Amino acid sequence: MVLPDRPDARFLTTTHNGSITPTDVRCVVEIDESTGVLRLTGVLDAAGTAAVRDALLVRLCDRPGPMVTDLSRLRLPDPAARGLFTGVHREIADWPAAGLLVVDPTGAAAGPGLPVCSTVAEATAALNRSPTVAATTTALPPFVGAARQARALVTDGCARWGIDELAEAGCIAVTEMVNNVVAHAHTPMTVRLAPVGSTLRIGVRDHSRRQPTHSGLTPPTLAGGRGLLLIDTVSRRWGSTLLPDGKLVWAVLHPAGNPG
């Protein structure tokens, strides 16, 4: 399909499984559910980058493992658009079981640290040579017992991955993440864990765009309010990424004495 390069065109249409798409869009995002490859077609300029960023982040958040993004039929005339993929790569660097592998024959999207291949076949071969991504994912409703289930997930995962020393800290972090969803977001959530070397990465995705805030030490006379302080204490890094329909709160835990 040839997409018109019109200034008044809409910026994004997401399709699944080859469904027919309108012809008045500048950039089409298509997902091949059988292979997991995400393809961008048309013209991506600065005005469309926010919508494409959102589409990439949602897909990376909802499907564990590295994602191949095919740009071979995409034009990137704007410098801001060309830097989008490097920015997303940096943004997901600490997420559990997330990675971005770009197919870009022109090299227009290449940036520091961004893995780039010339063809989808080359990207697929690179993934096949990579170790299988170890990850555990579970969906939980926002109820009081959710934190207990999340702790069991952390304990079991750390034992299977040989990082038992991180189980206690991981249980503290995931408890506070899940309890924040139960207390404030009130939405279903997805908990994902993944090891990277000797570290543990935790992510809790919910469907509220209310961002967690950490204002520092809580006065000892105030009950509650220490959840984010605990996450900050046991994690090497943590943060929250806004998504179109919610957010992902993530944390990276290192063994004691590991300077990484």
Protein backbone atom coordinates (compact mmCIF):
# COMPACT_ATOMS: atom_id res chain seq x y z
CA MET A 1 0.00 0.00 0.00
CA VAL A 2 1.29 3.48 -0.87
CA LEU A 3 0.40 5.96 1.83
CA PRO A 4 -0.13 9.61 0.89
CA ASP A 5 2.29 12.16 2.28
CA ARG A 6 -0.34 14.69 3.31
CA PRO A 7 0.07 17.32 6.05
CA ASP A 8 -3.54 16.85 7.19
CA ALA A 9 -3.33 13.06 7.46
CA ARG A 10 -3.85 11.17 10.71
CA PHE A 11 -0.71 9.92 12.38
CA LEU A 12 -1.30 6.34 13.46
CA THR A 13 -3.47 3.32 12.80
CA THR A 14 -2.69 0.06 14.56
CA THR A 15 -3.75 -3.13 12.82
CA HIS A 16 -3.57 -6.80 13.67
CA ASN A 17 -3.25 -9.84 11.47
CA GLY A 18 -3.21 -8.01 8.14
CA SER A 19 -6.56 -6.25 8.47
CA ILE A 20 -7.39 -3.49 5.97
CA THR A 21 -6.25 -0.02 7.01
CA PRO A 22 -7.37 3.45 5.90
CA THR A 23 -5.38 5.18 3.17
CA ASP A 24 -5.30 8.63 4.77
CA VAL A 25 -2.64 7.87 7.37
CA ARG A 26 1.00 8.87 7.33
CA CYS A 27 2.35 6.05 9.49
CA VAL A 28 0.78 2.61 9.86
CA VAL A 29 1.76 0.23 12.67
CA GLU A 30 1.09 -3.44 11.92
CA ILE A 31 1.72 -6.36 14.27
CA ASP A 32 2.29 -9.86 12.94
CA GLU A 33 0.92 -11.90 15.83
CA SER A 34 2.46 -15.13 14.51
CA THR A 35 6.03 -13.79 14.58
CA GLY A 36 5.77 -10.85 16.96
CA VAL A 37 7.34 -8.53 14.35
CA LEU A 38 6.06 -4.96 14.49
CA ARG A 39 6.17 -3.14 11.11
CA LEU A 40 6.01 0.57 10.47
CA THR A 41 5.04 1.77 7.00
CA GLY A 42 4.75 5.24 5.50
CA VAL A 43 6.22 8.49 6.79
CA LEU A 44 7.05 9.23 10.42
CA ASP A 45 7.63 12.87 11.31
CA ALA A 46 7.94 14.68 14.64
CA ALA A 47 4.18 15.04 15.06
CA GLY A 48 3.67 11.29 14.94
CA THR A 49 6.45 10.22 17.31
CA ALA A 50 4.35 10.27 20.50
CA ALA A 51 1.77 7.87 19.05
CA VAL A 52 4.43 5.50 17.71
CA ARG A 53 6.34 5.62 21.01
CA ASP A 54 3.15 4.66 22.84
CA ALA A 55 2.51 1.77 20.44
CA LEU A 56 6.05 0.45 20.93
CA LEU A 57 5.99 0.75 24.72
CA VAL A 58 2.61 -0.97 25.07
CA ARG A 59 3.74 -3.87 22.89
CA LEU A 60 7.05 -4.20 24.75
CA CYS A 61 5.23 -4.07 28.07
CA ASP A 62 2.57 -6.63 27.18
CA ARG A 63 4.76 -9.23 25.45
CA PRO A 64 7.97 -10.41 27.16
CA GLY A 65 11.17 -10.85 25.22
CA PRO A 66 12.96 -8.80 22.54
CA MET A 67 10.77 -7.29 19.84
CA VAL A 68 11.78 -6.93 16.19
CA THR A 69 10.64 -3.62 14.72
CA ASP A 70 10.79 -3.47 10.93
CA LEU A 71 11.44 0.01 9.50
CA SER A 72 12.33 -1.12 5.99
CA ARG A 73 9.18 0.51 4.56
CA LEU A 74 9.31 3.62 6.72
CA ARG A 75 10.66 7.05 5.82
CA LEU A 76 12.17 9.18 8.59
CA PRO A 77 12.60 12.70 7.22
CA ASP A 78 12.66 14.41 10.62
CA PRO A 79 15.66 14.20 13.02
CA ALA A 80 13.30 14.01 16.00
CA ALA A 81 11.61 10.95 14.51
CA ARG A 82 14.96 9.31 13.75
CA GLY A 83 15.91 9.47 17.43
CA LEU A 84 12.67 7.90 18.61
CA PHE A 85 13.88 4.30 18.54
CA THR A 86 17.09 4.99 20.44
CA GLY A 87 14.99 6.80 23.03
CA VAL A 88 12.64 3.84 23.44
CA HIS A 89 15.64 1.51 23.69
CA ARG A 90 17.00 3.60 26.59
CA GLU A 91 13.56 3.84 28.21
CA ILE A 92 13.10 0.07 28.45
CA ALA A 93 16.70 -0.70 29.44
CA ASP A 94 15.72 -1.63 33.01
CA TRP A 95 12.40 -3.30 32.27
CA PRO A 96 12.11 -7.04 32.93
CA ALA A 97 12.42 -9.13 29.75
CA ALA A 98 12.21 -6.27 27.26
CA GLY A 99 14.38 -5.51 24.24
CA LEU A 100 14.17 -3.70 20.92
CA LEU A 101 15.85 -4.94 17.75
CA VAL A 102 15.38 -2.62 14.76
CA VAL A 103 15.43 -3.60 11.09
CA ASP A 104 16.68 -0.51 9.26
CA PRO A 105 18.42 -1.01 5.89
CA THR A 106 19.10 2.73 5.52
CA GLY A 107 20.63 3.24 8.97
CA ALA A 108 18.47 6.33 9.48
CA ALA A 109 17.30 5.21 12.92
CA ALA A 110 20.69 4.04 14.19
CA GLY A 111 21.77 5.50 17.50
CA PRO A 112 24.03 4.77 20.49
CA GLY A 113 23.42 1.26 21.80
CA LEU A 114 20.44 0.52 19.53
CA PRO A 115 20.71 -2.97 17.97
CA VAL A 116 20.13 -2.59 14.20
CA CYS A 117 19.90 -5.25 11.46
CA SER A 118 19.54 -4.87 7.70
CA THR A 119 16.76 -7.46 7.21
CA VAL A 120 14.08 -9.26 9.20
CA ALA A 121 15.85 -12.55 8.46
CA GLU A 122 19.06 -11.18 9.97
CA ALA A 123 17.18 -9.98 13.05
CA THR A 124 15.42 -13.32 13.45
CA ALA A 125 18.73 -15.17 13.19
CA ALA A 126 20.22 -12.89 15.84
CA LEU A 127 17.34 -13.67 18.19
CA ASN A 128 17.69 -17.39 17.56
CA ARG A 129 21.36 -17.18 18.56
CA SER A 130 20.51 -15.36 21.78
CA PRO A 131 19.80 -17.19 25.03
CA THR A 132 16.13 -17.81 25.75
CA VAL A 133 14.65 -14.99 27.81
CA ALA A 134 13.83 -16.18 31.33
CA ALA A 135 10.75 -14.43 32.64
CA THR A 136 7.76 -15.09 34.85
CA THR A 137 4.50 -13.23 34.35
CA THR A 138 1.21 -13.37 36.22
CA ALA A 139 -2.01 -11.35 36.15
CA LEU A 140 -3.49 -10.34 39.49
CA PRO A 141 -6.72 -8.60 40.49
CA PRO A 142 -6.49 -5.61 42.86
CA PHE A 143 -7.33 -7.42 46.09
CA VAL A 144 -5.65 -7.73 49.46
CA GLY A 145 -4.09 -11.14 48.76
CA ALA A 146 -2.36 -9.98 45.57
CA ALA A 147 0.87 -9.03 47.35
CA ARG A 148 1.15 -12.50 48.91
CA GLN A 149 0.84 -14.12 45.47
CA ALA A 150 3.45 -11.72 44.06
CA ARG A 151 5.88 -12.58 46.86
CA ALA A 152 5.48 -16.29 46.13
CA LEU A 153 6.29 -15.54 42.49
CA VAL A 154 9.50 -13.71 43.49
CA THR A 155 10.61 -16.43 45.91
CA ASP A 156 10.06 -19.17 43.36
CA GLY A 157 11.72 -17.23 40.53
CA CYS A 158 14.81 -16.36 42.56
CA ALA A 159 15.22 -20.01 43.56
CA ARG A 160 14.94 -21.25 39.96
CA TRP A 161 17.33 -18.60 38.64
CA GLY A 162 19.96 -19.09 41.35
CA ILE A 163 19.65 -15.59 42.84
CA ASP A 164 18.14 -16.56 46.21
CA GLU A 165 19.95 -13.72 47.97
CA LEU A 166 17.66 -11.25 46.17
CA ALA A 167 14.44 -12.96 47.23
CA GLU A 168 13.94 -10.94 50.43
CA ALA A 169 14.58 -7.57 48.79
CA GLY A 170 12.51 -8.61 45.79
CA CYS A 171 9.59 -9.52 48.04
CA ILE A 172 9.78 -6.13 49.75
CA ALA A 173 9.81 -4.27 46.43
CA VAL A 174 7.03 -6.27 44.78
CA THR A 175 4.85 -6.03 47.90
CA GLU A 176 4.98 -2.24 47.83
CA MET A 177 4.43 -2.09 44.06
CA VAL A 178 1.38 -4.36 44.24
CA ASN A 179 -0.03 -2.67 47.34
CA ASN A 180 0.18 0.68 45.56
CA VAL A 181 -1.99 -0.72 42.78
CA VAL A 182 -4.48 -2.14 45.28
CA ALA A 183 -4.64 1.09 47.30
CA HIS A 184 -4.49 3.70 44.55
CA ALA A 185 -4.93 2.35 41.02
CA HIS A 186 -7.74 -0.14 41.76
CA THR A 187 -7.17 -1.91 38.42
CA PRO A 188 -6.05 -5.38 37.37
CA MET A 189 -2.27 -5.67 37.19
CA THR A 190 0.44 -7.77 35.59
CA VAL A 191 3.58 -8.69 37.53
CA ARG A 192 6.67 -9.67 35.54
CA LEU A 193 10.08 -10.83 36.82
CA ALA A 194 13.25 -11.55 34.91
CA PRO A 195 16.88 -12.20 35.84
CA VAL A 196 19.72 -10.45 34.04
CA GLY A 197 22.98 -12.03 35.12
CA SER A 198 23.04 -11.81 38.90
CA THR A 199 20.35 -9.10 39.05
CA LEU A 200 16.57 -9.25 39.36
CA ARG A 201 14.22 -6.99 37.46
CA ILE A 202 10.62 -6.51 38.55
CA GLY A 203 7.79 -4.76 36.73
CA VAL A 204 4.19 -4.16 37.78
CA ARG A 205 1.88 -2.88 35.07
CA ASP A 206 -1.53 -1.40 35.93
CA HIS A 207 -4.16 0.66 34.13
CA SER A 208 -4.01 3.93 36.02
CA ARG A 209 -1.95 6.88 34.82
CA ARG A 210 -1.56 8.16 38.37
CA GLN A 211 2.20 8.26 38.89
CA PRO A 212 3.82 7.18 42.16
CA THR A 213 5.51 10.03 43.99
CA HIS A 214 8.38 9.82 46.45
CA SER A 215 8.87 12.86 48.64
CA GLY A 216 11.75 11.52 50.71
CA LEU A 217 11.73 10.41 54.34
CA THR A 218 8.34 10.00 56.03
CA PRO A 219 7.96 11.46 59.53
CA PRO A 220 7.96 8.68 62.16
CA THR A 221 4.64 9.99 63.53
CA LEU A 222 2.86 9.41 60.17
CA ALA A 223 1.29 6.00 59.58
CA GLY A 224 1.90 4.49 56.13
CA GLY A 225 3.44 6.32 53.21
CA ARG A 226 6.70 4.37 53.30
CA GLY A 227 6.12 2.12 50.28
CA LEU A 228 8.22 4.03 47.76
CA LEU A 229 10.93 4.61 50.36
CA LEU A 230 11.19 0.85 50.81
CA ILE A 231 11.41 0.31 47.04
CA ASP A 232 14.08 3.00 46.87
CA THR A 233 16.00 1.37 49.73
CA VAL A 234 16.15 -2.19 48.35
CA SER A 235 16.54 -1.33 44.64
CA ARG A 236 19.57 -0.08 42.76
CA ARG A 237 17.24 1.75 40.36
CA TRP A 238 13.48 2.09 40.01
CA GLY A 239 11.06 4.21 38.05
CA SER A 240 7.65 4.54 36.43
CA THR A 241 6.85 4.74 32.72
CA LEU A 242 3.52 6.19 31.57
CA LEU A 243 1.57 4.23 28.97
CA PRO A 244 -1.54 5.32 27.03
CA ASP A 245 -3.72 3.14 29.27
CA GLY A 246 -1.76 3.12 32.51
CA LYS A 247 1.84 2.72 33.61
CA LEU A 248 4.66 0.30 34.37
CA VAL A 249 6.52 0.61 37.67
CA TRP A 250 9.86 -1.20 37.54
CA ALA A 251 12.84 -1.88 39.78
CA VAL A 252 16.33 -3.38 39.40
CA LEU A 253 17.84 -5.27 42.34
CA HIS A 254 21.54 -6.13 42.63
CA PRO A 255 23.32 -8.49 45.04
CA ALA A 256 25.11 -6.83 47.95
CA GLY A 257 28.50 -5.54 46.88
CA ASN A 258 27.64 -5.58 43.16
CA PRO A 259 28.53 -2.10 41.82
CA GLY A 260 26.54 -2.49 38.55
